[in-house]
C-alpha atoms as a PDB file:
ATOM      1  CA  MET A   1     -27.919   4.844 -12.241  1.00  0.00           C
ATOM      2  CA  PHE A   2     -25.519   3.887  -9.471  1.00  0.00           C
ATOM      3  CA  ARG A   3     -25.393   4.276  -5.704  1.00  0.00           C
ATOM      4  CA  VAL A   4     -22.559   5.569  -3.525  1.00  0.00           C
ATOM      5  CA  ILE A   5     -22.480   3.595  -0.275  1.00  0.00           C
ATOM      6  CA  GLU A   6     -20.408   4.803   2.672  1.00  0.00           C
ATOM      7  CA  GLY A   7     -19.282   2.560   5.496  1.00  0.00           C
ATOM      8  CA  TYR A   8     -19.339  -0.888   3.896  1.00  0.00           C
ATOM      9  CA  ARG A   9     -17.692  -3.329   6.324  1.00  0.00           C
ATOM     10  CA  GLY A  10     -17.852  -6.553   4.321  1.00  0.00           C
ATOM     11  CA  GLY A  11     -20.023  -9.587   4.891  1.00  0.00           C
ATOM     12  CA  VAL A  12     -22.243  -9.533   1.787  1.00  0.00           C
ATOM     13  CA  ARG A  13     -20.744 -12.249  -0.355  1.00  0.00           C
ATOM     14  CA  LYS A  14     -21.749 -10.846  -3.754  1.00  0.00           C
ATOM     15  CA  ILE A  15     -20.353  -7.436  -2.868  1.00  0.00           C
ATOM     16  CA  ASP A  16     -17.197  -8.897  -1.347  1.00  0.00           C
ATOM     17  CA  GLU A  17     -16.530 -10.964  -4.471  1.00  0.00           C
ATOM     18  CA  SER A  18     -17.239  -7.957  -6.659  1.00  0.00           C
ATOM     19  CA  LEU A  19     -14.798  -5.819  -4.635  1.00  0.00           C
ATOM     20  CA  VAL A  20     -12.061  -8.409  -5.107  1.00  0.00           C
ATOM     21  CA  SER A  21     -12.771  -8.642  -8.829  1.00  0.00           C
ATOM     22  CA  LEU A  22     -12.673  -4.850  -9.205  1.00  0.00           C
ATOM     23  CA  LEU A  23      -9.383  -4.440  -7.342  1.00  0.00           C
ATOM     24  CA  ASN A  24      -7.819  -7.146  -9.484  1.00  0.00           C
ATOM     25  CA  ARG A  25      -8.985  -5.390 -12.660  1.00  0.00           C
ATOM     26  CA  CYS A  26      -7.387  -2.173 -11.436  1.00  0.00           C
ATOM     27  CA  ARG A  27      -4.189  -4.050 -10.615  1.00  0.00           C
ATOM     28  CA  SER A  28      -4.123  -5.969 -13.906  1.00  0.00           C
ATOM     29  CA  ILE A  29      -3.920  -2.754 -15.964  1.00  0.00           C
ATOM     30  CA  SER A  30      -1.215  -1.363 -13.707  1.00  0.00           C
ATOM     31  CA  ILE A  31       2.253  -2.899 -13.234  1.00  0.00           C
ATOM     32  CA  SER A  32       0.865  -6.420 -13.128  1.00  0.00           C
ATOM     33  CA  TRP A  33       4.211  -8.169 -12.674  1.00  0.00           C
ATOM     34  CA  ALA A  34       4.682  -6.389  -9.330  1.00  0.00           C
ATOM     35  CA  LEU A  35       1.180  -6.954  -7.970  1.00  0.00           C
ATOM     36  CA  ARG A  36      -0.433 -10.107  -6.646  1.00  0.00           C
ATOM     37  CA  SER A  37      -4.098 -10.967  -7.048  1.00  0.00           C
ATOM     38  CA  ALA A  38      -6.264  -9.766  -4.170  1.00  0.00           C
ATOM     39  CA  THR A  39      -8.533 -12.187  -2.296  1.00  0.00           C
ATOM     40  CA  ILE A  40     -11.625 -11.911  -0.132  1.00  0.00           C
ATOM     41  CA  ASP A  41      -9.364 -12.579   2.851  1.00  0.00           C
ATOM     42  CA  ASP A  42      -7.469  -9.358   2.093  1.00  0.00           C
ATOM     43  CA  PHE A  43     -10.653  -7.322   2.416  1.00  0.00           C
ATOM     44  CA  ARG A  44     -11.761  -9.265   5.482  1.00  0.00           C
ATOM     45  CA  GLU A  45      -8.457  -8.452   7.155  1.00  0.00           C
ATOM     46  CA  TRP A  46      -8.770  -4.752   6.283  1.00  0.00           C
ATOM     47  CA  PHE A  47     -12.353  -4.539   7.491  1.00  0.00           C
ATOM     48  CA  SER A  48     -11.512  -6.219  10.811  1.00  0.00           C
ATOM     49  CA  SER A  49      -8.315  -4.249  11.489  1.00  0.00           C
ATOM     50  CA  SER A  50      -8.126  -1.678  14.259  1.00  0.00           C
ATOM     51  CA  TRP A  51      -7.225   1.073  11.788  1.00  0.00           C
ATOM     52  CA  PHE A  52     -10.366   0.593   9.678  1.00  0.00           C
ATOM     53  CA  ASN A  53     -12.799   3.500   9.950  1.00  0.00           C
ATOM     54  CA  PRO A  54     -16.063   2.956   8.002  1.00  0.00           C
ATOM     55  CA  ARG A  55     -16.303   6.702   7.362  1.00  0.00           C
ATOM     56  CA  GLU A  56     -13.095   6.461   5.345  1.00  0.00           C
ATOM     57  CA  PHE A  57     -14.390   3.902   2.829  1.00  0.00           C
ATOM     58  CA  ALA A  58     -17.080   4.043   0.143  1.00  0.00           C
ATOM     59  CA  ILE A  59     -18.161   1.837  -2.741  1.00  0.00           C
ATOM     60  CA  VAL A  60     -20.141   2.547  -5.903  1.00  0.00           C
ATOM     61  CA  LEU A  61     -22.766  -0.051  -6.748  1.00  0.00           C
ATOM     62  CA  LEU A  62     -24.316  -0.645 -10.151  1.00  0.00           C
ATOM     63  CA  GLY A  63     -27.042  -3.107  -9.190  1.00  0.00           C
ATOM     64  CA  ASP A  64     -25.195  -5.486  -6.872  1.00  0.00           C
ATOM     65  CA  ARG A  65     -21.880  -5.067  -8.680  1.00  0.00           C
ATOM     66  CA  VAL A  66     -19.090  -2.833  -7.368  1.00  0.00           C
ATOM     67  CA  VAL A  67     -17.799  -0.528 -10.120  1.00  0.00           C
ATOM     68  CA  GLY A  68     -15.712   1.754  -7.928  1.00  0.00           C
ATOM     69  CA  PHE A  69     -14.427   2.278  -4.416  1.00  0.00           C
ATOM     70  CA  SER A  70     -12.275   4.769  -2.588  1.00  0.00           C
ATOM     71  CA  TRP A  71     -10.521   5.400   0.692  1.00  0.00           C
ATOM     72  CA  ALA A  72     -10.524   8.918   2.181  1.00  0.00           C
ATOM     73  CA  PHE A  73      -7.967   8.857   4.991  1.00  0.00           C
ATOM     74  CA  ASN A  74      -7.867  11.668   7.523  1.00  0.00           C
ATOM     75  CA  SER A  75      -4.259  11.632   8.747  1.00  0.00           C
ATOM     76  CA  ARG A  76      -1.344  14.046   8.998  1.00  0.00           C
ATOM     77  CA  ALA A  77      -1.582  14.356   5.226  1.00  0.00           C
ATOM     78  CA  PRO A  78      -5.191  13.603   4.178  1.00  0.00           C
ATOM     79  CA  ARG A  79      -5.270  11.340   1.153  1.00  0.00           C
ATOM     80  CA  ILE A  80      -7.683   9.655  -1.235  1.00  0.00           C
ATOM     81  CA  HIS A  81      -7.134   6.321  -2.996  1.00  0.00           C
ATOM     82  CA  PRO A  82      -9.706   5.497  -5.715  1.00  0.00           C
ATOM     83  CA  CYS A  83     -10.221   2.415  -7.880  1.00  0.00           C
ATOM     84  CA  VAL A  84     -12.696   2.497 -10.794  1.00  0.00           C
ATOM     85  CA  ASP A  85     -13.707  -0.301 -13.167  1.00  0.00           C
ATOM     86  CA  PRO A  86     -11.587   0.206 -16.310  1.00  0.00           C
ATOM     87  CA  ASN A  87     -13.992  -1.930 -18.353  1.00  0.00           C
ATOM     88  CA  GLN A  88     -16.807   0.627 -18.160  1.00  0.00           C
ATOM     89  CA  PRO A  89     -17.379   3.146 -20.990  1.00  0.00           C
ATOM     90  CA  LEU A  90     -15.230   6.256 -20.653  1.00  0.00           C
ATOM     91  CA  GLY A  91     -18.169   8.510 -19.810  1.00  0.00           C
ATOM     92  CA  ILE A  92     -19.315   6.153 -17.033  1.00  0.00           C
ATOM     93  CA  ILE A  93     -15.763   5.891 -15.659  1.00  0.00           C
ATOM     94  CA  GLU A  94     -15.626   9.674 -15.357  1.00  0.00           C
ATOM     95  CA  GLU A  95     -19.027   9.774 -13.630  1.00  0.00           C
ATOM     96  CA  ILE A  96     -17.985   7.106 -11.118  1.00  0.00           C
ATOM     97  CA  LEU A  97     -14.657   8.820 -10.415  1.00  0.00           C
ATOM     98  CA  GLU A  98     -16.321  12.216  -9.992  1.00  0.00           C
ATOM     99  CA  ALA A  99     -18.835  10.633  -7.612  1.00  0.00           C
ATOM    100  CA  LEU A 100     -16.060   9.074  -5.521  1.00  0.00           C
ATOM    101  CA  LEU A 101     -14.066  12.310  -5.366  1.00  0.00           C
ATOM    102  CA  SER A 102     -17.235  14.204  -4.433  1.00  0.00           C
ATOM    103  CA  TRP A 103     -17.936  11.673  -1.683  1.00  0.00           C
ATOM    104  CA  ALA A 104     -14.340  11.944  -0.455  1.00  0.00           C
ATOM    105  CA  ARG A 105     -14.664  15.728  -0.280  1.00  0.00           C
ATOM    106  CA  HIS A 106     -17.928  15.433   1.654  1.00  0.00           C
ATOM    107  CA  SER A 107     -16.453  12.797   3.990  1.00  0.00           C
ATOM    108  CA  LEU A 108     -13.260  14.716   4.746  1.00  0.00           C
ATOM    109  CA  GLU A 109     -14.972  18.092   5.140  1.00  0.00           C
ATOM    110  CA  SER A 110     -17.484  16.561   7.542  1.00  0.00           C
ATOM    111  CA  ARG A 111     -14.488  15.512   9.670  1.00  0.00           C
ATOM    112  CA  GLY A 112     -13.009  18.999   9.644  1.00  0.00           C
ATOM    113  CA  VAL A 113     -10.405  18.522   6.925  1.00  0.00           C
ATOM    114  CA  ARG A 114      -9.498  21.627   4.945  1.00  0.00           C
ATOM    115  CA  GLY A 115      -6.617  22.647   2.725  1.00  0.00           C
ATOM    116  CA  SER A 116      -4.387  20.294   0.729  1.00  0.00           C
ATOM    117  CA  ILE A 117      -5.108  16.694  -0.228  1.00  0.00           C
ATOM    118  CA  ARG A 118      -3.130  13.926  -1.967  1.00  0.00           C
ATOM    119  CA  ILE A 119      -4.814  11.555  -4.408  1.00  0.00           C
ATOM    120  CA  GLY A 120      -3.204   8.233  -5.258  1.00  0.00           C
ATOM    121  CA  ALA A 121      -2.916   8.021  -9.052  1.00  0.00           C
ATOM    122  CA  TRP A 122      -1.143   4.656  -9.288  1.00  0.00           C
ATOM    123  CA  GLU A 123       1.736   4.754 -11.798  1.00  0.00           C
ATOM    124  CA  TYR A 124       2.766   7.690 -13.987  1.00  0.00           C
ATOM    125  CA  GLN A 125       0.744   7.854 -17.234  1.00  0.00           C
ATOM    126  CA  GLY A 126      -1.321   4.828 -16.185  1.00  0.00           C
ATOM    127  CA  PHE A 127      -5.101   4.448 -16.406  1.00  0.00           C
ATOM    128  CA  MET A 128      -6.007   6.081 -13.069  1.00  0.00           C
ATOM    129  CA  TYR A 129      -3.456   8.852 -13.581  1.00  0.00           C
ATOM    130  CA  ARG A 130      -5.016   9.739 -16.944  1.00  0.00           C
ATOM    131  CA  MET A 131      -8.585   9.607 -15.614  1.00  0.00           C
ATOM    132  CA  LEU A 132      -7.796  11.838 -12.655  1.00  0.00           C
ATOM    133  CA  LYS A 133      -6.025  14.342 -14.883  1.00  0.00           C
ATOM    134  CA  ARG A 134      -9.175  14.581 -17.039  1.00  0.00           C
ATOM    135  CA  ILE A 135     -11.223  15.591 -13.993  1.00  0.00           C
ATOM    136  CA  LEU A 136      -8.830  17.579 -11.820  1.00  0.00           C
ATOM    137  CA  HIS A 137      -7.555  20.768 -13.381  1.00  0.00           C
ATOM    138  CA  ILE A 138      -5.338  22.259 -10.664  1.00  0.00           C
ATOM    139  CA  VAL A 139      -2.860  19.671  -9.406  1.00  0.00           C
ATOM    140  CA  VAL A 140       0.801  19.312  -8.548  1.00  0.00           C
ATOM    141  CA  GLU A 141       2.357  15.976  -9.450  1.00  0.00           C
ATOM    142  CA  ASP A 142       4.426  14.277  -6.806  1.00  0.00           C
ATOM    143  CA  TYR A 143       5.380  10.715  -6.049  1.00  0.00           C
ATOM    144  CA  THR A 144       4.895   8.676  -2.902  1.00  0.00           C
ATOM    145  CA  SER A 145       7.354   5.848  -3.528  1.00  0.00           C
ATOM    146  CA  THR A 146       9.443   4.254  -6.267  1.00  0.00           C
ATOM    147  CA  LEU A 147       9.073   0.738  -7.612  1.00  0.00           C
ATOM    148  CA  MET A 148      12.588  -0.703  -7.818  1.00  0.00           C
ATOM    149  CA  LYS A 149      13.527  -3.992  -9.477  1.00  0.00           C
ATOM    150  CA  PHE A 150      16.510  -6.114  -8.490  1.00  0.00           C
ATOM    151  CA  ILE A 151      19.073  -6.418 -11.271  1.00  0.00           C
ATOM    152  CA  GLY A 152      22.120  -7.235  -9.127  1.00  0.00           C
ATOM    153  CA  PRO A 153      24.769  -7.718  -8.167  1.00  0.00           C
ATOM    154  CA  LEU A 154      24.367  -8.235  -4.453  1.00  0.00           C
ATOM    155  CA  PRO A 155      27.010  -6.637  -2.236  1.00  0.00           C
ATOM    156  CA  GLN A 156      29.058  -8.611   0.265  1.00  0.00           C
ATOM    157  CA  ILE A 157      27.154  -9.261   3.519  1.00  0.00           C
ATOM    158  CA  ASN A 158      28.723  -7.605   6.535  1.00  0.00           C
ATOM    159  CA  ILE A 159      26.655  -7.930   9.676  1.00  0.00           C
ATOM    160  CA  PRO A 160      27.738  -5.111  12.011  1.00  0.00           C
ATOM    161  CA  LYS A 161      29.661  -6.091  15.112  1.00  0.00           C
ATOM    162  CA  GLY A 162      27.420  -6.524  18.136  1.00  0.00           C
ATOM    163  CA  TYR A 163      24.422  -7.714  16.117  1.00  0.00           C
ATOM    164  CA  ARG A 164      23.096 -10.932  14.670  1.00  0.00           C
ATOM    165  CA  ILE A 165      20.365 -11.700  12.144  1.00  0.00           C
ATOM    166  CA  ARG A 166      18.064 -14.714  12.296  1.00  0.00           C
ATOM    167  CA  LEU A 167      14.745 -15.954  10.977  1.00  0.00           C
ATOM    168  CA  ALA A 168      11.841 -14.637  13.032  1.00  0.00           C
ATOM    169  CA  THR A 169       8.934 -16.456  14.670  1.00  0.00           C
ATOM    170  CA  LEU A 170       5.548 -15.231  15.852  1.00  0.00           C
ATOM    171  CA  ASP A 171       7.124 -14.731  19.275  1.00  0.00           C
ATOM    172  CA  ASP A 172       8.994 -11.789  17.720  1.00  0.00           C
ATOM    173  CA  VAL A 173       5.900  -9.864  16.607  1.00  0.00           C
ATOM    174  CA  LEU A 174       5.927  -7.429  19.539  1.00  0.00           C
ATOM    175  CA  GLY A 175       9.523  -6.454  18.805  1.00  0.00           C
ATOM    176  CA  ILE A 176       8.794  -6.145  15.080  1.00  0.00           C
ATOM    177  CA  VAL A 177       5.818  -3.857  15.727  1.00  0.00           C
ATOM    178  CA  ASN A 178       7.914  -1.690  18.050  1.00  0.00           C
ATOM    179  CA  VAL A 179      10.575  -1.271  15.346  1.00  0.00           C
ATOM    180  CA  PHE A 180       7.942  -0.444  12.715  1.00  0.00           C
ATOM    181  CA  ASN A 181       6.407   2.278  14.858  1.00  0.00           C
ATOM    182  CA  LYS A 182       9.770   3.808  15.776  1.00  0.00           C
ATOM    183  CA  ALA A 183      11.171   3.718  12.236  1.00  0.00           C
ATOM    184  CA  PHE A 184       8.181   5.089  10.319  1.00  0.00           C
ATOM    185  CA  SER A 185       6.612   7.564  12.746  1.00  0.00           C
ATOM    186  CA  ILE A 186       8.442  10.436  11.010  1.00  0.00           C
ATOM    187  CA  TYR A 187       6.441  10.004   7.784  1.00  0.00           C
ATOM    188  CA  GLU A 188       3.184  11.795   7.041  1.00  0.00           C
ATOM    189  CA  TRP A 189       1.454   8.577   5.943  1.00  0.00           C
ATOM    190  CA  PHE A 190       2.319   6.774   9.196  1.00  0.00           C
ATOM    191  CA  HIS A 191      -0.388   5.064  11.216  1.00  0.00           C
ATOM    192  CA  PRO A 192       0.615   3.161  14.382  1.00  0.00           C
ATOM    193  CA  TRP A 193       0.589  -0.600  14.014  1.00  0.00           C
ATOM    194  CA  ASN A 194      -0.561  -2.820  16.858  1.00  0.00           C
ATOM    195  CA  VAL A 195       0.369  -6.376  17.791  1.00  0.00           C
ATOM    196  CA  ASP A 196      -3.090  -7.867  17.185  1.00  0.00           C
ATOM    197  CA  ASP A 197      -3.222  -6.559  13.618  1.00  0.00           C
ATOM    198  CA  ALA A 198       0.344  -7.676  12.944  1.00  0.00           C
ATOM    199  CA  MET A 199      -0.246 -11.153  14.355  1.00  0.00           C
ATOM    200  CA  LYS A 200      -3.378 -11.599  12.278  1.00  0.00           C
ATOM    201  CA  HIS A 201      -1.563 -10.429   9.153  1.00  0.00           C
ATOM    202  CA  TYR A 202       1.467 -12.663   9.624  1.00  0.00           C
ATOM    203  CA  LYS A 203      -0.597 -15.744  10.476  1.00  0.00           C
ATOM    204  CA  ARG A 204      -2.589 -15.323   7.278  1.00  0.00           C
ATOM    205  CA  ARG A 205       0.157 -14.305   4.860  1.00  0.00           C
ATOM    206  CA  LYS A 206       2.983 -16.423   6.336  1.00  0.00           C
ATOM    207  CA  PRO A 207       5.812 -14.171   5.078  1.00  0.00           C
ATOM    208  CA  ILE A 208       9.542 -14.740   5.433  1.00  0.00           C
ATOM    209  CA  LEU A 209      10.778 -12.590   8.319  1.00  0.00           C
ATOM    210  CA  TYR A 210      14.319 -11.867   9.422  1.00  0.00           C
ATOM    211  CA  VAL A 211      15.084  -9.880  12.561  1.00  0.00           C
ATOM    212  CA  ALA A 212      18.241  -8.092  13.666  1.00  0.00           C
ATOM    213  CA  ILE A 213      19.122  -8.581  17.341  1.00  0.00           C
ATOM    214  CA  ASP A 214      21.521  -6.498  19.447  1.00  0.00           C
ATOM    215  CA  ASP A 215      23.776  -7.701  22.276  1.00  0.00           C
ATOM    216  CA  ASN A 216      20.916  -7.293  24.755  1.00  0.00           C
ATOM    217  CA  GLY A 217      18.692  -9.638  22.783  1.00  0.00           C
ATOM    218  CA  GLU A 218      16.418  -6.792  21.675  1.00  0.00           C
ATOM    219  CA  ILE A 219      14.936  -6.708  18.176  1.00  0.00           C
ATOM    220  CA  VAL A 220      16.255  -3.560  16.504  1.00  0.00           C
ATOM    221  CA  GLY A 221      15.453  -4.234  12.847  1.00  0.00           C
ATOM    222  CA  TYR A 222      13.587  -6.570  10.531  1.00  0.00           C
ATOM    223  CA  VAL A 223      12.775  -7.350   6.931  1.00  0.00           C
ATOM    224  CA  HIS A 224       9.436  -8.783   5.743  1.00  0.00           C
ATOM    225  CA  VAL A 225       9.515 -10.533   2.357  1.00  0.00           C
ATOM    226  CA  GLU A 226       7.002 -12.603   0.412  1.00  0.00           C
ATOM    227  CA  LEU A 227       7.049 -14.983  -2.523  1.00  0.00           C
ATOM    228  CA  PHE A 228       3.925 -15.135  -4.699  1.00  0.00           C
ATOM    229  CA  LYS A 229       2.570 -15.566  -8.202  1.00  0.00           C
ATOM    230  CA  ALA A 230       1.959 -12.132  -9.647  1.00  0.00           C
ATOM    231  CA  ILE A 231      -1.062 -11.261 -11.769  1.00  0.00           C
ATOM    232  CA  ASP A 232       0.934 -12.264 -14.864  1.00  0.00           C
ATOM    233  CA  ASN A 233       1.428 -15.701 -13.196  1.00  0.00           C
ATOM    234  CA  GLU A 234       5.203 -15.374 -12.728  1.00  0.00           C
ATOM    235  CA  VAL A 235       6.854 -16.282  -9.408  1.00  0.00           C
ATOM    236  CA  THR A 236       7.790 -12.976  -7.812  1.00  0.00           C
ATOM    237  CA  GLY A 237       9.525 -11.891  -4.634  1.00  0.00           C
ATOM    238  CA  VAL A 238       8.912  -8.634  -2.811  1.00  0.00           C
ATOM    239  CA  LEU A 239      10.713  -6.932   0.048  1.00  0.00           C
ATOM    240  CA  ASN A 240       7.539  -5.706   1.679  1.00  0.00           C
ATOM    241  CA  THR A 241       9.048  -3.855   4.637  1.00  0.00           C
ATOM    242  CA  VAL A 242      12.571  -3.060   5.802  1.00  0.00           C
ATOM    243  CA  ALA A 243      12.881  -1.186   9.096  1.00  0.00           C
ATOM    244  CA  VAL A 244      15.623  -0.415  11.607  1.00  0.00           C
ATOM    245  CA  ASP A 245      15.206   1.302  14.966  1.00  0.00           C
ATOM    246  CA  PRO A 246      16.476   4.899  14.478  1.00  0.00           C
ATOM    247  CA  LYS A 247      18.960   4.410  17.339  1.00  0.00           C
ATOM    248  CA  HIS A 248      20.612   1.595  15.371  1.00  0.00           C
ATOM    249  CA  GLN A 249      20.551   3.082  11.877  1.00  0.00           C
ATOM    250  CA  ARG A 250      23.611   3.993   9.773  1.00  0.00           C
ATOM    251  CA  LYS A 251      25.498   0.925  10.970  1.00  0.00           C
ATOM    252  CA  GLY A 252      24.811  -1.389   8.032  1.00  0.00           C
ATOM    253  CA  LEU A 253      21.893  -3.353   9.481  1.00  0.00           C
ATOM    254  CA  GLY A 254      19.480  -2.349   6.712  1.00  0.00           C
ATOM    255  CA  LYS A 255      21.999  -3.330   4.057  1.00  0.00           C
ATOM    256  CA  ALA A 256      22.582  -6.714   5.705  1.00  0.00           C
ATOM    257  CA  LEU A 257      18.852  -7.432   6.093  1.00  0.00           C
ATOM    258  CA  ILE A 258      18.137  -6.564   2.451  1.00  0.00           C
ATOM    259  CA  THR A 259      21.023  -8.644   1.146  1.00  0.00           C
ATOM    260  CA  ILE A 260      20.058 -11.707   3.191  1.00  0.00           C
ATOM    261  CA  ALA A 261      16.390 -11.385   2.183  1.00  0.00           C
ATOM    262  CA  THR A 262      17.198 -10.945  -1.514  1.00  0.00           C
ATOM    263  CA  LYS A 263      19.423 -14.043  -1.463  1.00  0.00           C
ATOM    264  CA  GLU A 264      16.664 -16.023   0.244  1.00  0.00           C
ATOM    265  CA  LEU A 265      14.078 -15.047  -2.379  1.00  0.00           C
ATOM    266  CA  THR A 266      16.471 -15.997  -5.167  1.00  0.00           C
ATOM    267  CA  LYS A 267      17.140 -19.358  -3.516  1.00  0.00           C
ATOM    268  CA  ARG A 268      13.389 -19.998  -3.256  1.00  0.00           C
ATOM    269  CA  GLY A 269      12.845 -19.512  -6.973  1.00  0.00           C
ATOM    270  CA  ALA A 270      11.843 -15.879  -7.443  1.00  0.00           C
ATOM    271  CA  LYS A 271      12.182 -14.995 -11.134  1.00  0.00           C
ATOM    272  CA  ARG A 272      12.194 -11.313 -10.250  1.00  0.00           C
ATOM    273  CA  ILE A 273      12.413  -9.343  -7.029  1.00  0.00           C
ATOM    274  CA  TYR A 274      11.279  -5.824  -6.274  1.00  0.00           C
ATOM    275  CA  LEU A 275      10.612  -3.342  -3.503  1.00  0.00           C
ATOM    276  CA  ASP A 276       8.891   0.016  -3.092  1.00  0.00           C
ATOM    277  CA  SER A 277      11.403   2.605  -1.944  1.00  0.00           C
ATOM    278  CA  ILE A 278      10.245   5.407   0.319  1.00  0.00           C
ATOM    279  CA  LYS A 279      10.739   8.711  -1.476  1.00  0.00           C
ATOM    280  CA  GLY A 280      14.327   9.835  -1.043  1.00  0.00           C
ATOM    281  CA  LEU A 281      15.857   6.410  -0.314  1.00  0.00           C
ATOM    282  CA  GLU A 282      16.285   5.299  -3.922  1.00  0.00           C
ATOM    283  CA  ASN A 283      20.044   5.861  -3.906  1.00  0.00           C
ATOM    284  CA  PHE A 284      20.421   3.607  -0.853  1.00  0.00           C
ATOM    285  CA  TYR A 285      18.654   0.730  -2.605  1.00  0.00           C
ATOM    286  CA  SER A 286      20.489   1.320  -5.883  1.00  0.00           C
ATOM    287  CA  LYS A 287      23.733   0.447  -4.104  1.00  0.00           C
ATOM    288  CA  LEU A 288      22.201  -2.937  -3.215  1.00  0.00           C
ATOM    289  CA  GLY A 289      21.390  -3.969  -6.784  1.00  0.00           C
ATOM    290  CA  TYR A 290      17.933  -2.392  -7.173  1.00  0.00           C
ATOM    291  CA  LYS A 291      17.124  -0.167 -10.149  1.00  0.00           C
ATOM    292  CA  GLU A 292      14.291   2.345 -10.469  1.00  0.00           C
ATOM    293  CA  TYR A 293      11.450   1.016 -12.619  1.00  0.00           C
ATOM    294  CA  GLN A 294       8.473   3.346 -12.070  1.00  0.00           C
ATOM    295  CA  LYS A 295       7.180   5.947  -9.632  1.00  0.00           C
ATOM    296  CA  TRP A 296       3.875   5.679  -7.794  1.00  0.00           C
ATOM    297  CA  ILE A 297       2.267   9.061  -8.379  1.00  0.00           C
ATOM    298  CA  ALA A 298       0.192  11.276  -6.122  1.00  0.00           C
ATOM    299  CA  LEU A 299      -1.690  14.334  -7.349  1.00  0.00           C
ATOM    300  CA  LYS A 300      -1.688  17.183  -4.840  1.00  0.00           C
ATOM    301  CA  THR A 301      -4.602  19.612  -4.840  1.00  0.00           C
ATOM    302  CA  THR A 302      -6.954  21.204  -2.331  1.00  0.00           C
ATOM    303  CA  ILE A 303     -10.260  19.993  -0.954  1.00  0.00           C
ATOM    304  CA  SER A 304     -11.988  22.947  -2.593  1.00  0.00           C
ATOM    305  CA  GLN A 305     -10.782  21.805  -6.041  1.00  0.00           C
ATOM    306  CA  LEU A 306     -12.479  18.408  -5.758  1.00  0.00           C
ATOM    307  CA  PRO A 307     -15.815  17.833  -7.504  1.00  0.00           C
ATOM    308  CA  GLN A 308     -18.889  18.653  -5.437  1.00  0.00           C
ATOM    309  CA  LYS A 309     -21.767  16.793  -7.021  1.00  0.00           C
ATOM    310  CA  PRO A 310     -25.273  16.817  -5.523  1.00  0.00           C
ATOM    311  CA  LEU A 311     -25.282  13.088  -4.853  1.00  0.00           C
ATOM    312  CA  GLN A 312     -26.995  11.153  -2.092  1.00  0.00           C
ATOM    313  CA  TYR A 313     -24.568   9.091  -0.050  1.00  0.00           C
ATOM    314  CA  HIS A 314     -26.154   5.991   1.401  1.00  0.00           C
ATOM    315  CA  LYS A 315     -25.029   4.547   4.700  1.00  0.00           C
ATOM    316  CA  MET A 316     -24.482   0.802   4.938  1.00  0.00           C
ATOM    317  CA  THR A 317     -26.741  -0.722   7.579  1.00  0.00           C
END
């Protein structure tokens, strides 16, 4: 009825367009006001990035139409991120999801992964959460991050003594990447970022970037924000990334960067502003005018609890 294809790298226009359409359907039934529409360029960037491993990606084809896809990342904490067409009949949705989880098990086990696994379930009680709970019987619910919406008020800006904050240029990308890698390397989901990937991303997306500079002229923090029309067509601002070099944390730089960025998004016409807080940092953001809206859920189980269907997994040639 359908085919599970491992290792698709893009380049087939019908499939690429179908992938974009599917991701946007998954996003549209989630928290649509906080998600922008995906484009073919998003997938092209992912497929050409240094971190992309074809063994970690599979699609489900019904004819030449993509009705499901999943990532199966082998990292410090192995994780699976599925997306299934919500417009299919319920029985077909379950078959596609079981096929993707079975593929993910096969893919991860073939790379030596054993033990626990985290499965991205989107938002609590949402479509993907409910579908996964129908299939997986032994899980522990956790959350990966918290969607927080700005309600105000903004605190007074106090840039710490010995630092300054300015708009960034592409000449600052190396420093930004260095801060990212230092700040986030402690987290289990971390994957090192490189300058080529960052440059390609910033040239395409053209975000608003502010950097924090110390007395030596070194970049020690940054904030990456974007303004876009969300799936519900409302102008929306997002604080995509806020990072400070661990050696310069707890001095107020993060607070200053967030406040400046939030003011800038408001000035540019954002009707609403949000960010995704790393688990455990919600209280920090709440002091800056952001209120918890929803948690992004992960279901924790073991590889051995995933479906193991006798499916044939096709390789993309």
